[in-house]
């Protein structure tokens, strides 16, 4: 029987450890917050910038700060300037041009870590077009190759399927994101040990999400434990009345273009579209609804205090509701947002 001793509370480090700057030390801070699991991302390009040449700088920076009781979840992002269908060193991830090269990379990474990583995940939220550039079949094939490589290099490791985000959890039964995961489960049912979901929308929906993903797995003869690889709140998802204001700003800033997500291209831009959107938003801050202002840096003190109260309450609520549904591992998003696409201050 499960007890409270089985529960694991973790924190996600962020999506760009060592990508936009030197990999820093963060595990002491994470331990001080009471977390028992850390989730970190590594990209293919980061570890193998050229075919057959490995750079272990970021990986070794992580390993050097681990203590014996630390548990780590690594999300491996198949982003590469030379090895993937969509060349980039950051996002979106895509399928490998050569599956053998991908398997060798994953096996080398896992072997280098020497059994010190507890959980290995194949990419993140693959049904999200901004994070995965490819089909469900592409992802399923890659998930199979990933699991085989991980298990061959570290038989004790736990393999996690790419997370199910808001796009899938909040959609109708016939939606494209749900069809995506149906395809993955049909073709890669043995390629994972844990099914990862990300909880950002209204806490009362958590129980329903658990029912949905377990039913989805059962349709394909799968019964794997569900974990929460990300959660957080409050978010804008909890304030649907704010959507028109955000949509207007985003449409004006992006103008139909697809922003580059390679680190070199991002660095060369004087101002990326997402930063333009945030600058425009901040220029209108005084006229924005208080519910939106409270997510912004420099908001009135009473609004910031309100956001902190809601955040503290939701950390407790989201965990208790997930634990009540049988979840035993949750990770809060995030310790330190480094991704350049994040501009609104959130807790």
C-alpha atoms as a PDB file:
ATOM      1  CA  UNK A   1       0.000   0.000   0.000  1.00  0.00           C
ATOM      2  CA  UNK A   2       1.283   3.473  -0.898  1.00  0.00           C
ATOM      3  CA  UNK A   3       2.148   5.800   1.961  1.00  0.00           C
ATOM      4  CA  UNK A   4       3.253   9.408   2.192  1.00  0.00           C
ATOM      5  CA  UNK A   5       6.833   8.098   2.131  1.00  0.00           C
ATOM      6  CA  UNK A   6       6.250   7.145  -1.513  1.00  0.00           C
ATOM      7  CA  UNK A   7       5.436  10.724  -2.530  1.00  0.00           C
ATOM      8  CA  UNK A   8       8.111  12.675  -4.391  1.00  0.00           C
ATOM      9  CA  UNK A   9       8.005  16.447  -4.795  1.00  0.00           C
ATOM     10  CA  UNK A  10      10.333  17.918  -7.380  1.00  0.00           C
ATOM     11  CA  UNK A  11      11.178  21.087  -9.277  1.00  0.00           C
ATOM     12  CA  UNK A  12      11.963  21.621 -12.953  1.00  0.00           C
ATOM     13  CA  UNK A  13      15.216  23.521 -13.543  1.00  0.00           C
ATOM     14  CA  UNK A  14      14.051  24.970 -16.883  1.00  0.00           C
ATOM     15  CA  UNK A  15      14.377  24.255 -20.584  1.00  0.00           C
ATOM     16  CA  UNK A  16      17.776  25.761 -21.339  1.00  0.00           C
ATOM     17  CA  UNK A  17      20.397  24.557 -18.871  1.00  0.00           C
ATOM     18  CA  UNK A  18      23.732  25.486 -20.434  1.00  0.00           C
ATOM     19  CA  UNK A  19      22.234  26.491 -23.802  1.00  0.00           C
ATOM     20  CA  UNK A  20      22.257  30.286 -23.502  1.00  0.00           C
ATOM     21  CA  UNK A  21      25.092  30.551 -20.991  1.00  0.00           C
ATOM     22  CA  UNK A  22      27.390  28.507 -18.766  1.00  0.00           C
ATOM     23  CA  UNK A  23      25.646  25.771 -16.771  1.00  0.00           C
ATOM     24  CA  UNK A  24      25.413  26.946 -13.191  1.00  0.00           C
ATOM     25  CA  UNK A  25      24.986  25.322  -9.805  1.00  0.00           C
ATOM     26  CA  UNK A  26      21.358  24.952  -8.748  1.00  0.00           C
ATOM     27  CA  UNK A  27      20.976  21.728  -6.779  1.00  0.00           C
ATOM     28  CA  UNK A  28      21.712  23.322  -3.356  1.00  0.00           C
ATOM     29  CA  UNK A  29      18.926  25.828  -3.983  1.00  0.00           C
ATOM     30  CA  UNK A  30      16.586  23.058  -5.032  1.00  0.00           C
ATOM     31  CA  UNK A  31      17.373  20.984  -1.942  1.00  0.00           C
ATOM     32  CA  UNK A  32      16.816  24.025   0.277  1.00  0.00           C
ATOM     33  CA  UNK A  33      13.300  24.281  -1.135  1.00  0.00           C
ATOM     34  CA  UNK A  34      12.617  20.713  -0.036  1.00  0.00           C
ATOM     35  CA  UNK A  35      12.572  19.095  -3.481  1.00  0.00           C
ATOM     36  CA  UNK A  36      13.652  15.482  -3.810  1.00  0.00           C
ATOM     37  CA  UNK A  37      13.690  15.319  -7.626  1.00  0.00           C
ATOM     38  CA  UNK A  38      15.184  17.726 -10.174  1.00  0.00           C
ATOM     39  CA  UNK A  39      14.196  17.829 -13.838  1.00  0.00           C
ATOM     40  CA  UNK A  40      16.764  19.123 -16.334  1.00  0.00           C
ATOM     41  CA  UNK A  41      16.828  19.395 -20.129  1.00  0.00           C
ATOM     42  CA  UNK A  42      19.723  18.540 -22.447  1.00  0.00           C
ATOM     43  CA  UNK A  43      19.655  18.946 -26.229  1.00  0.00           C
ATOM     44  CA  UNK A  44      21.321  16.693 -28.761  1.00  0.00           C
ATOM     45  CA  UNK A  45      23.265  19.632 -30.219  1.00  0.00           C
ATOM     46  CA  UNK A  46      24.495  20.582 -26.755  1.00  0.00           C
ATOM     47  CA  UNK A  47      25.963  17.143 -26.080  1.00  0.00           C
ATOM     48  CA  UNK A  48      27.030  16.172 -29.618  1.00  0.00           C
ATOM     49  CA  UNK A  49      27.608  19.415 -31.584  1.00  0.00           C
ATOM     50  CA  UNK A  50      29.249  17.459 -34.402  1.00  0.00           C
ATOM     51  CA  UNK A  51      28.874  13.841 -35.423  1.00  0.00           C
ATOM     52  CA  UNK A  52      30.960  11.708 -33.084  1.00  0.00           C
ATOM     53  CA  UNK A  53      32.283  14.646 -31.026  1.00  0.00           C
ATOM     54  CA  UNK A  54      30.820  14.892 -27.541  1.00  0.00           C
ATOM     55  CA  UNK A  55      30.837  17.923 -25.275  1.00  0.00           C
ATOM     56  CA  UNK A  56      30.067  16.882 -21.704  1.00  0.00           C
ATOM     57  CA  UNK A  57      30.356  20.368 -20.184  1.00  0.00           C
ATOM     58  CA  UNK A  58      26.711  20.806 -19.185  1.00  0.00           C
ATOM     59  CA  UNK A  59      26.213  17.152 -18.286  1.00  0.00           C
ATOM     60  CA  UNK A  60      29.291  17.095 -16.051  1.00  0.00           C
ATOM     61  CA  UNK A  61      28.217  20.384 -14.443  1.00  0.00           C
ATOM     62  CA  UNK A  62      25.011  18.645 -13.391  1.00  0.00           C
ATOM     63  CA  UNK A  63      26.683  15.442 -12.220  1.00  0.00           C
ATOM     64  CA  UNK A  64      29.248  17.364 -10.172  1.00  0.00           C
ATOM     65  CA  UNK A  65      26.558  18.891  -7.943  1.00  0.00           C
ATOM     66  CA  UNK A  66      24.639  15.693  -7.221  1.00  0.00           C
ATOM     67  CA  UNK A  67      24.602  14.048  -3.813  1.00  0.00           C
ATOM     68  CA  UNK A  68      23.888  10.335  -3.203  1.00  0.00           C
ATOM     69  CA  UNK A  69      20.202  10.830  -2.356  1.00  0.00           C
ATOM     70  CA  UNK A  70      19.424  13.157  -5.270  1.00  0.00           C
ATOM     71  CA  UNK A  71      17.095  11.924  -7.976  1.00  0.00           C
ATOM     72  CA  UNK A  72      17.229  13.506 -11.421  1.00  0.00           C
ATOM     73  CA  UNK A  73      14.862  13.443 -14.387  1.00  0.00           C
ATOM     74  CA  UNK A  74      16.533  14.336 -17.688  1.00  0.00           C
ATOM     75  CA  UNK A  75      14.454  15.373 -20.689  1.00  0.00           C
ATOM     76  CA  UNK A  76      16.485  14.730 -23.826  1.00  0.00           C
ATOM     77  CA  UNK A  77      15.517  17.142 -26.604  1.00  0.00           C
ATOM     78  CA  UNK A  78      16.298  15.962 -30.128  1.00  0.00           C
ATOM     79  CA  UNK A  79      17.364  19.394 -31.361  1.00  0.00           C
ATOM     80  CA  UNK A  80      20.453  19.419 -33.551  1.00  0.00           C
ATOM     81  CA  UNK A  81      21.892  21.628 -36.257  1.00  0.00           C
ATOM     82  CA  UNK A  82      23.314  18.626 -38.098  1.00  0.00           C
ATOM     83  CA  UNK A  83      21.407  15.489 -37.110  1.00  0.00           C
ATOM     84  CA  UNK A  84      17.678  16.273 -37.171  1.00  0.00           C
ATOM     85  CA  UNK A  85      15.125  16.910 -39.891  1.00  0.00           C
ATOM     86  CA  UNK A  86      14.509  20.477 -38.684  1.00  0.00           C
ATOM     87  CA  UNK A  87      17.962  21.914 -37.908  1.00  0.00           C
ATOM     88  CA  UNK A  88      18.145  23.921 -34.671  1.00  0.00           C
ATOM     89  CA  UNK A  89      20.069  23.743 -31.428  1.00  0.00           C
ATOM     90  CA  UNK A  90      17.039  24.573 -29.288  1.00  0.00           C
ATOM     91  CA  UNK A  91      13.432  24.207 -30.459  1.00  0.00           C
ATOM     92  CA  UNK A  92      11.370  22.719 -31.956  1.00  0.00           C
ATOM     93  CA  UNK A  93      12.747  19.218 -31.615  1.00  0.00           C
ATOM     94  CA  UNK A  94      12.387  16.898 -34.586  1.00  0.00           C
ATOM     95  CA  UNK A  95      13.126  13.388 -35.762  1.00  0.00           C
ATOM     96  CA  UNK A  96      16.647  12.219 -36.416  1.00  0.00           C
ATOM     97  CA  UNK A  97      17.804  12.001 -40.019  1.00  0.00           C
ATOM     98  CA  UNK A  98      19.625   8.794 -39.050  1.00  0.00           C
ATOM     99  CA  UNK A  99      18.036   6.656 -36.341  1.00  0.00           C
ATOM    100  CA  UNK A 100      21.329   4.855 -35.707  1.00  0.00           C
ATOM    101  CA  UNK A 101      23.088   8.152 -34.975  1.00  0.00           C
ATOM    102  CA  UNK A 102      20.279   9.076 -32.568  1.00  0.00           C
ATOM    103  CA  UNK A 103      20.482   5.752 -30.733  1.00  0.00           C
ATOM    104  CA  UNK A 104      24.252   6.057 -30.398  1.00  0.00           C
ATOM    105  CA  UNK A 105      23.879   9.579 -28.983  1.00  0.00           C
ATOM    106  CA  UNK A 106      21.250   8.551 -26.417  1.00  0.00           C
ATOM    107  CA  UNK A 107      23.226   5.490 -25.353  1.00  0.00           C
ATOM    108  CA  UNK A 108      26.412   7.556 -24.988  1.00  0.00           C
ATOM    109  CA  UNK A 109      24.624  10.176 -22.879  1.00  0.00           C
ATOM    110  CA  UNK A 110      23.038   7.615 -20.580  1.00  0.00           C
ATOM    111  CA  UNK A 111      26.272   5.647 -20.231  1.00  0.00           C
ATOM    112  CA  UNK A 112      28.228   8.814 -19.425  1.00  0.00           C
ATOM    113  CA  UNK A 113      25.873   9.497 -16.513  1.00  0.00           C
ATOM    114  CA  UNK A 114      26.751   6.111 -15.028  1.00  0.00           C
ATOM    115  CA  UNK A 115      23.386   5.284 -13.492  1.00  0.00           C
ATOM    116  CA  UNK A 116      23.087   8.588 -11.609  1.00  0.00           C
ATOM    117  CA  UNK A 117      19.980   9.685 -13.518  1.00  0.00           C
ATOM    118  CA  UNK A 118      16.736   8.072 -12.367  1.00  0.00           C
ATOM    119  CA  UNK A 119      14.365   9.163 -15.146  1.00  0.00           C
ATOM    120  CA  UNK A 120      14.955   9.661 -18.884  1.00  0.00           C
ATOM    121  CA  UNK A 121      12.367  11.352 -21.076  1.00  0.00           C
ATOM    122  CA  UNK A 122      12.114  11.468 -24.873  1.00  0.00           C
ATOM    123  CA  UNK A 123      11.396  15.134 -25.673  1.00  0.00           C
ATOM    124  CA  UNK A 124       8.692  17.312 -24.158  1.00  0.00           C
ATOM    125  CA  UNK A 125       5.011  17.778 -25.124  1.00  0.00           C
ATOM    126  CA  UNK A 126       5.406  16.315 -28.631  1.00  0.00           C
ATOM    127  CA  UNK A 127       1.791  17.085 -29.585  1.00  0.00           C
ATOM    128  CA  UNK A 128       2.692  20.788 -29.288  1.00  0.00           C
ATOM    129  CA  UNK A 129       3.860  22.030 -32.702  1.00  0.00           C
ATOM    130  CA  UNK A 130       6.099  24.620 -31.081  1.00  0.00           C
ATOM    131  CA  UNK A 131       8.050  21.890 -29.289  1.00  0.00           C
ATOM    132  CA  UNK A 132       7.993  19.015 -31.806  1.00  0.00           C
ATOM    133  CA  UNK A 133       8.320  19.395 -35.557  1.00  0.00           C
ATOM    134  CA  UNK A 134       7.074  16.122 -36.945  1.00  0.00           C
ATOM    135  CA  UNK A 135       4.241  13.622 -36.988  1.00  0.00           C
ATOM    136  CA  UNK A 136       2.960  11.308 -34.300  1.00  0.00           C
ATOM    137  CA  UNK A 137       4.449   8.379 -36.213  1.00  0.00           C
ATOM    138  CA  UNK A 138       7.824  10.143 -36.212  1.00  0.00           C
ATOM    139  CA  UNK A 139       7.664  10.614 -32.472  1.00  0.00           C
ATOM    140  CA  UNK A 140       6.504   7.053 -31.817  1.00  0.00           C
ATOM    141  CA  UNK A 141       9.437   5.647 -33.790  1.00  0.00           C
ATOM    142  CA  UNK A 142      11.851   7.906 -31.954  1.00  0.00           C
ATOM    143  CA  UNK A 143      10.352   6.981 -28.572  1.00  0.00           C
ATOM    144  CA  UNK A 144      10.935   3.299 -29.342  1.00  0.00           C
ATOM    145  CA  UNK A 145      14.559   3.946 -30.317  1.00  0.00           C
ATOM    146  CA  UNK A 146      15.053   6.144 -27.253  1.00  0.00           C
ATOM    147  CA  UNK A 147      13.726   3.542 -24.818  1.00  0.00           C
ATOM    148  CA  UNK A 148      15.845   0.802 -26.336  1.00  0.00           C
ATOM    149  CA  UNK A 149      19.000   2.926 -26.108  1.00  0.00           C
ATOM    150  CA  UNK A 150      18.314   4.004 -22.517  1.00  0.00           C
ATOM    151  CA  UNK A 151      17.534   0.507 -21.313  1.00  0.00           C
ATOM    152  CA  UNK A 152      20.616  -0.968 -22.988  1.00  0.00           C
ATOM    153  CA  UNK A 153      22.885   1.627 -21.336  1.00  0.00           C
ATOM    154  CA  UNK A 154      21.158   1.616 -17.930  1.00  0.00           C
ATOM    155  CA  UNK A 155      18.713  -1.241 -17.297  1.00  0.00           C
ATOM    156  CA  UNK A 156      17.651   0.302 -13.963  1.00  0.00           C
ATOM    157  CA  UNK A 157      16.579   3.622 -15.476  1.00  0.00           C
ATOM    158  CA  UNK A 158      12.930   4.648 -15.773  1.00  0.00           C
ATOM    159  CA  UNK A 159      11.737   5.877 -19.181  1.00  0.00           C
ATOM    160  CA  UNK A 160       9.138   8.649 -19.361  1.00  0.00           C
ATOM    161  CA  UNK A 161       6.946   9.390 -22.370  1.00  0.00           C
ATOM    162  CA  UNK A 162       6.987  12.973 -23.665  1.00  0.00           C
ATOM    163  CA  UNK A 163       4.572  15.015 -21.575  1.00  0.00           C
ATOM    164  CA  UNK A 164       0.917  15.635 -22.335  1.00  0.00           C
ATOM    165  CA  UNK A 165       0.311  19.355 -22.039  1.00  0.00           C
ATOM    166  CA  UNK A 166      -2.651  21.706 -21.978  1.00  0.00           C
ATOM    167  CA  UNK A 167      -3.128  21.303 -25.733  1.00  0.00           C
ATOM    168  CA  UNK A 168      -4.038  17.654 -25.253  1.00  0.00           C
ATOM    169  CA  UNK A 169      -5.626  17.640 -21.808  1.00  0.00           C
ATOM    170  CA  UNK A 170      -8.011  20.511 -22.524  1.00  0.00           C
ATOM    171  CA  UNK A 171      -9.054  19.412 -26.013  1.00  0.00           C
ATOM    172  CA  UNK A 172     -12.109  17.519 -27.219  1.00  0.00           C
ATOM    173  CA  UNK A 173     -11.953  13.738 -27.796  1.00  0.00           C
ATOM    174  CA  UNK A 174     -11.468  14.070 -31.563  1.00  0.00           C
ATOM    175  CA  UNK A 175      -8.763  16.745 -31.394  1.00  0.00           C
ATOM    176  CA  UNK A 176      -5.408  16.502 -33.154  1.00  0.00           C
ATOM    177  CA  UNK A 177      -3.406  16.415 -29.890  1.00  0.00           C
ATOM    178  CA  UNK A 178      -5.455  13.468 -28.621  1.00  0.00           C
ATOM    179  CA  UNK A 179      -5.110  11.711 -31.968  1.00  0.00           C
ATOM    180  CA  UNK A 180      -1.359  12.299 -31.689  1.00  0.00           C
ATOM    181  CA  UNK A 181      -1.117  10.449 -28.380  1.00  0.00           C
ATOM    182  CA  UNK A 182      -3.469   7.722 -29.583  1.00  0.00           C
ATOM    183  CA  UNK A 183      -1.019   7.074 -32.422  1.00  0.00           C
ATOM    184  CA  UNK A 184       1.954   7.086 -30.067  1.00  0.00           C
ATOM    185  CA  UNK A 185       0.277   4.656 -27.684  1.00  0.00           C
ATOM    186  CA  UNK A 186      -0.682   2.390 -30.564  1.00  0.00           C
ATOM    187  CA  UNK A 187       2.904   2.146 -31.829  1.00  0.00           C
ATOM    188  CA  UNK A 188       5.072   2.745 -28.770  1.00  0.00           C
ATOM    189  CA  UNK A 189       3.168   1.199 -25.867  1.00  0.00           C
ATOM    190  CA  UNK A 190       6.288  -0.550 -24.536  1.00  0.00           C
ATOM    191  CA  UNK A 191       8.577   2.442 -25.009  1.00  0.00           C
ATOM    192  CA  UNK A 192       7.906   4.022 -21.628  1.00  0.00           C
ATOM    193  CA  UNK A 193       7.429   3.221 -17.961  1.00  0.00           C
ATOM    194  CA  UNK A 194       5.659   6.419 -16.888  1.00  0.00           C
ATOM    195  CA  UNK A 195       3.015   8.589 -18.582  1.00  0.00           C
ATOM    196  CA  UNK A 196       3.707  12.279 -17.963  1.00  0.00           C
ATOM    197  CA  UNK A 197       1.011  14.959 -17.796  1.00  0.00           C
ATOM    198  CA  UNK A 198       1.361  18.709 -17.203  1.00  0.00           C
ATOM    199  CA  UNK A 199      -1.176  20.443 -14.990  1.00  0.00           C
ATOM    200  CA  UNK A 200      -1.587  24.172 -15.580  1.00  0.00           C
ATOM    201  CA  UNK A 201      -5.311  24.748 -16.009  1.00  0.00           C
ATOM    202  CA  UNK A 202      -7.965  24.875 -13.297  1.00  0.00           C
ATOM    203  CA  UNK A 203      -7.192  22.564 -10.321  1.00  0.00           C
ATOM    204  CA  UNK A 204     -10.753  21.115 -10.260  1.00  0.00           C
ATOM    205  CA  UNK A 205      -9.996  19.586 -13.684  1.00  0.00           C
ATOM    206  CA  UNK A 206      -7.144  17.444 -12.374  1.00  0.00           C
ATOM    207  CA  UNK A 207      -9.278  14.412 -11.501  1.00  0.00           C
ATOM    208  CA  UNK A 208     -10.857  14.465 -14.955  1.00  0.00           C
ATOM    209  CA  UNK A 209      -7.446  14.622 -16.616  1.00  0.00           C
ATOM    210  CA  UNK A 210      -6.372  11.521 -14.712  1.00  0.00           C
ATOM    211  CA  UNK A 211      -9.489   9.678 -15.836  1.00  0.00           C
ATOM    212  CA  UNK A 212      -8.895  10.730 -19.452  1.00  0.00           C
ATOM    213  CA  UNK A 213      -5.249   9.684 -19.753  1.00  0.00           C
ATOM    214  CA  UNK A 214      -5.842   6.359 -18.017  1.00  0.00           C
ATOM    215  CA  UNK A 215      -8.774   5.635 -20.313  1.00  0.00           C
ATOM    216  CA  UNK A 216      -6.613   6.546 -23.300  1.00  0.00           C
ATOM    217  CA  UNK A 217      -3.943   4.101 -22.189  1.00  0.00           C
ATOM    218  CA  UNK A 218      -6.496   1.339 -21.521  1.00  0.00           C
ATOM    219  CA  UNK A 219      -7.802   1.615 -25.081  1.00  0.00           C
ATOM    220  CA  UNK A 220      -4.348   0.524 -26.195  1.00  0.00           C
ATOM    221  CA  UNK A 221      -3.858  -2.129 -23.544  1.00  0.00           C
ATOM    222  CA  UNK A 222      -1.503   0.057 -21.511  1.00  0.00           C
ATOM    223  CA  UNK A 223      -1.570   0.551 -17.737  1.00  0.00           C
ATOM    224  CA  UNK A 224       1.421   2.660 -16.763  1.00  0.00           C
ATOM    225  CA  UNK A 225       1.665   4.964 -13.725  1.00  0.00           C
ATOM    226  CA  UNK A 226       0.901   8.647 -14.317  1.00  0.00           C
ATOM    227  CA  UNK A 227       3.325  11.319 -13.111  1.00  0.00           C
ATOM    228  CA  UNK A 228       3.123  15.105 -13.222  1.00  0.00           C
ATOM    229  CA  UNK A 229       6.269  16.378 -14.942  1.00  0.00           C
ATOM    230  CA  UNK A 230       5.114  19.990 -14.708  1.00  0.00           C
ATOM    231  CA  UNK A 231       2.493  21.968 -12.837  1.00  0.00           C
ATOM    232  CA  UNK A 232       2.027  25.555 -11.810  1.00  0.00           C
ATOM    233  CA  UNK A 233      -0.398  28.304 -11.016  1.00  0.00           C
ATOM    234  CA  UNK A 234      -1.834  30.764 -11.139  1.00  0.00           C
ATOM    235  CA  UNK A 235      -1.561  30.993 -14.919  1.00  0.00           C
ATOM    236  CA  UNK A 236      -3.417  32.963 -17.526  1.00  0.00           C
ATOM    237  CA  UNK A 237      -5.317  29.748 -18.269  1.00  0.00           C
ATOM    238  CA  UNK A 238      -7.230  30.360 -15.064  1.00  0.00           C
ATOM    239  CA  UNK A 239      -8.506  33.721 -16.289  1.00  0.00           C
ATOM    240  CA  UNK A 240     -10.249  33.101 -19.634  1.00  0.00           C
ATOM    241  CA  UNK A 241     -11.608  36.665 -19.720  1.00  0.00           C
ATOM    242  CA  UNK A 242      -8.047  37.878 -20.311  1.00  0.00           C
ATOM    243  CA  UNK A 243      -7.628  35.921 -23.539  1.00  0.00           C
ATOM    244  CA  UNK A 244      -8.832  38.706 -25.909  1.00  0.00           C
ATOM    245  CA  UNK A 245      -6.280  41.180 -24.549  1.00  0.00           C
ATOM    246  CA  UNK A 246      -3.427  38.693 -24.902  1.00  0.00           C
ATOM    247  CA  UNK A 247      -4.491  37.611 -28.380  1.00  0.00           C
ATOM    248  CA  UNK A 248      -4.546  41.204 -29.609  1.00  0.00           C
ATOM    249  CA  UNK A 249      -1.020  41.875 -28.398  1.00  0.00           C
ATOM    250  CA  UNK A 250       0.338  38.627 -29.838  1.00  0.00           C
ATOM    251  CA  UNK A 251      -1.260  39.212 -33.250  1.00  0.00           C
ATOM    252  CA  UNK A 252       0.206  42.704 -33.441  1.00  0.00           C
ATOM    253  CA  UNK A 253       3.678  41.546 -32.411  1.00  0.00           C
ATOM    254  CA  UNK A 254       4.017  38.368 -34.420  1.00  0.00           C
ATOM    255  CA  UNK A 255       2.251  39.482 -37.582  1.00  0.00           C
ATOM    256  CA  UNK A 256       1.957  35.935 -38.870  1.00  0.00           C
ATOM    257  CA  UNK A 257       5.697  35.147 -38.676  1.00  0.00           C
ATOM    258  CA  UNK A 258       7.262  32.090 -37.090  1.00  0.00           C
ATOM    259  CA  UNK A 259      10.063  33.201 -34.750  1.00  0.00           C
ATOM    260  CA  UNK A 260      13.430  31.465 -34.987  1.00  0.00           C
ATOM    261  CA  UNK A 261      14.277  29.288 -32.027  1.00  0.00           C
ATOM    262  CA  UNK A 262      17.929  28.520 -32.742  1.00  0.00           C
ATOM    263  CA  UNK A 263      20.129  30.160 -30.100  1.00  0.00           C
ATOM    264  CA  UNK A 264      22.406  31.831 -32.671  1.00  0.00           C
ATOM    265  CA  UNK A 265      19.504  33.318 -34.609  1.00  0.00           C
ATOM    266  CA  UNK A 266      17.841  34.486 -31.411  1.00  0.00           C
ATOM    267  CA  UNK A 267      21.061  36.203 -30.333  1.00  0.00           C
ATOM    268  CA  UNK A 268      21.321  38.082 -33.653  1.00  0.00           C
ATOM    269  CA  UNK A 269      17.843  39.543 -33.435  1.00  0.00           C
ATOM    270  CA  UNK A 270      17.637  42.986 -31.900  1.00  0.00           C
ATOM    271  CA  UNK A 271      14.249  42.040 -30.503  1.00  0.00           C
ATOM    272  CA  UNK A 272      12.404  38.772 -30.981  1.00  0.00           C
ATOM    273  CA  UNK A 273       8.630  38.876 -31.645  1.00  0.00           C
ATOM    274  CA  UNK A 274       7.810  37.528 -28.203  1.00  0.00           C
ATOM    275  CA  UNK A 275       9.817  40.346 -26.602  1.00  0.00           C
ATOM    276  CA  UNK A 276       8.053  42.843 -28.841  1.00  0.00           C
ATOM    277  CA  UNK A 277       4.760  41.440 -27.590  1.00  0.00           C
ATOM    278  CA  UNK A 278       5.808  41.807 -23.974  1.00  0.00           C
ATOM    279  CA  UNK A 279       7.103  45.353 -24.530  1.00  0.00           C
ATOM    280  CA  UNK A 280       3.768  46.297 -26.063  1.00  0.00           C
ATOM    281  CA  UNK A 281       1.943  44.651 -23.174  1.00  0.00           C
ATOM    282  CA  UNK A 282       3.973  46.537 -20.584  1.00  0.00           C
ATOM    283  CA  UNK A 283       3.382  49.833 -22.382  1.00  0.00           C
ATOM    284  CA  UNK A 284      -0.344  49.312 -21.713  1.00  0.00           C
ATOM    285  CA  UNK A 285       0.094  47.985 -18.202  1.00  0.00           C
ATOM    286  CA  UNK A 286      -1.844  50.703 -16.385  1.00  0.00           C
ATOM    287  CA  UNK A 287      -4.941  50.075 -18.515  1.00  0.00           C
ATOM    288  CA  UNK A 288      -4.868  46.298 -18.253  1.00  0.00           C
ATOM    289  CA  UNK A 289      -7.222  44.334 -15.978  1.00  0.00           C
ATOM    290  CA  UNK A 290      -5.800  43.731 -12.483  1.00  0.00           C
ATOM    291  CA  UNK A 291      -5.939  39.969 -13.106  1.00  0.00           C
ATOM    292  CA  UNK A 292      -3.415  40.446 -15.916  1.00  0.00           C
ATOM    293  CA  UNK A 293      -1.309  43.072 -14.166  1.00  0.00           C
ATOM    294  CA  UNK A 294      -0.622  40.708 -11.290  1.00  0.00           C
ATOM    295  CA  UNK A 295       1.402  38.474 -13.635  1.00  0.00           C
ATOM    296  CA  UNK A 296       3.698  41.347 -14.636  1.00  0.00           C
ATOM    297  CA  UNK A 297       6.908  42.588 -13.061  1.00  0.00           C
ATOM    298  CA  UNK A 298       6.475  45.924 -11.344  1.00  0.00           C
ATOM    299  CA  UNK A 299       2.781  45.465 -10.684  1.00  0.00           C
ATOM    300  CA  UNK A 300       1.252  47.125  -7.596  1.00  0.00           C
ATOM    301  CA  UNK A 301       2.357  45.495  -4.360  1.00  0.00           C
ATOM    302  CA  UNK A 302      -1.148  44.365  -3.468  1.00  0.00           C
ATOM    303  CA  UNK A 303      -1.470  42.523  -6.786  1.00  0.00           C
ATOM    304  CA  UNK A 304       1.901  40.837  -6.373  1.00  0.00           C
ATOM    305  CA  UNK A 305       0.894  39.745  -2.873  1.00  0.00           C
ATOM    306  CA  UNK A 306      -2.351  38.356  -4.274  1.00  0.00           C
ATOM    307  CA  UNK A 307      -0.466  36.357  -6.890  1.00  0.00           C
ATOM    308  CA  UNK A 308       1.815  34.902  -4.218  1.00  0.00           C
ATOM    309  CA  UNK A 309      -1.191  33.901  -2.091  1.00  0.00           C
ATOM    310  CA  UNK A 310      -2.838  32.180  -5.045  1.00  0.00           C
ATOM    311  CA  UNK A 311       0.424  30.445  -5.973  1.00  0.00           C
ATOM    312  CA  UNK A 312       0.953  29.121  -2.439  1.00  0.00           C
ATOM    313  CA  UNK A 313      -2.614  27.851  -2.307  1.00  0.00           C
ATOM    314  CA  UNK A 314      -2.373  26.204  -5.728  1.00  0.00           C
ATOM    315  CA  UNK A 315       0.864  24.378  -4.948  1.00  0.00           C
ATOM    316  CA  UNK A 316      -0.976  22.658  -2.127  1.00  0.00           C
ATOM    317  CA  UNK A 317      -4.201  22.133  -4.082  1.00  0.00           C
ATOM    318  CA  UNK A 318      -2.595  20.727  -7.223  1.00  0.00           C
ATOM    319  CA  UNK A 319      -0.452  18.280  -5.293  1.00  0.00           C
ATOM    320  CA  UNK A 320      -3.228  17.058  -3.008  1.00  0.00           C
ATOM    321  CA  UNK A 321      -5.618  16.568  -5.934  1.00  0.00           C
ATOM    322  CA  UNK A 322      -2.962  14.700  -7.932  1.00  0.00           C
ATOM    323  CA  UNK A 323      -2.005  12.520  -4.949  1.00  0.00           C
ATOM    324  CA  UNK A 324      -5.680  11.730  -4.372  1.00  0.00           C
ATOM    325  CA  UNK A 325      -5.759  10.321  -7.915  1.00  0.00           C
ATOM    326  CA  UNK A 326      -2.817   8.019  -7.290  1.00  0.00           C
ATOM    327  CA  UNK A 327       0.035  10.187  -8.577  1.00  0.00           C
ATOM    328  CA  UNK A 328       3.238   9.759  -6.595  1.00  0.00           C
ATOM    329  CA  UNK A 329       5.634  12.135  -8.372  1.00  0.00           C
ATOM    330  CA  UNK A 330       5.049  15.817  -9.170  1.00  0.00           C
ATOM    331  CA  UNK A 331       7.438  18.536 -10.340  1.00  0.00           C
ATOM    332  CA  UNK A 332       6.756  22.241 -10.013  1.00  0.00           C
ATOM    333  CA  UNK A 333       7.530  24.577 -12.921  1.00  0.00           C
ATOM    334  CA  UNK A 334      10.145  26.014 -12.497  1.00  0.00           C
ATOM    335  CA  UNK A 335      13.194  26.932 -10.455  1.00  0.00           C
ATOM    336  CA  UNK A 336      14.581  29.634 -12.708  1.00  0.00           C
ATOM    337  CA  UNK A 337      13.067  30.578 -16.074  1.00  0.00           C
ATOM    338  CA  UNK A 338      15.969  31.091 -18.480  1.00  0.00           C
ATOM    339  CA  UNK A 339      14.215  30.585 -21.803  1.00  0.00           C
ATOM    340  CA  UNK A 340      14.214  33.818 -23.791  1.00  0.00           C
ATOM    341  CA  UNK A 341      10.614  33.287 -24.837  1.00  0.00           C
ATOM    342  CA  UNK A 342       9.465  33.822 -21.239  1.00  0.00           C
ATOM    343  CA  UNK A 343       8.838  37.441 -20.414  1.00  0.00           C
ATOM    344  CA  UNK A 344       5.794  37.649 -18.136  1.00  0.00           C
ATOM    345  CA  UNK A 345       6.875  37.159 -14.532  1.00  0.00           C
ATOM    346  CA  UNK A 346       5.196  34.111 -12.972  1.00  0.00           C
ATOM    347  CA  UNK A 347       5.606  32.326  -9.694  1.00  0.00           C
END
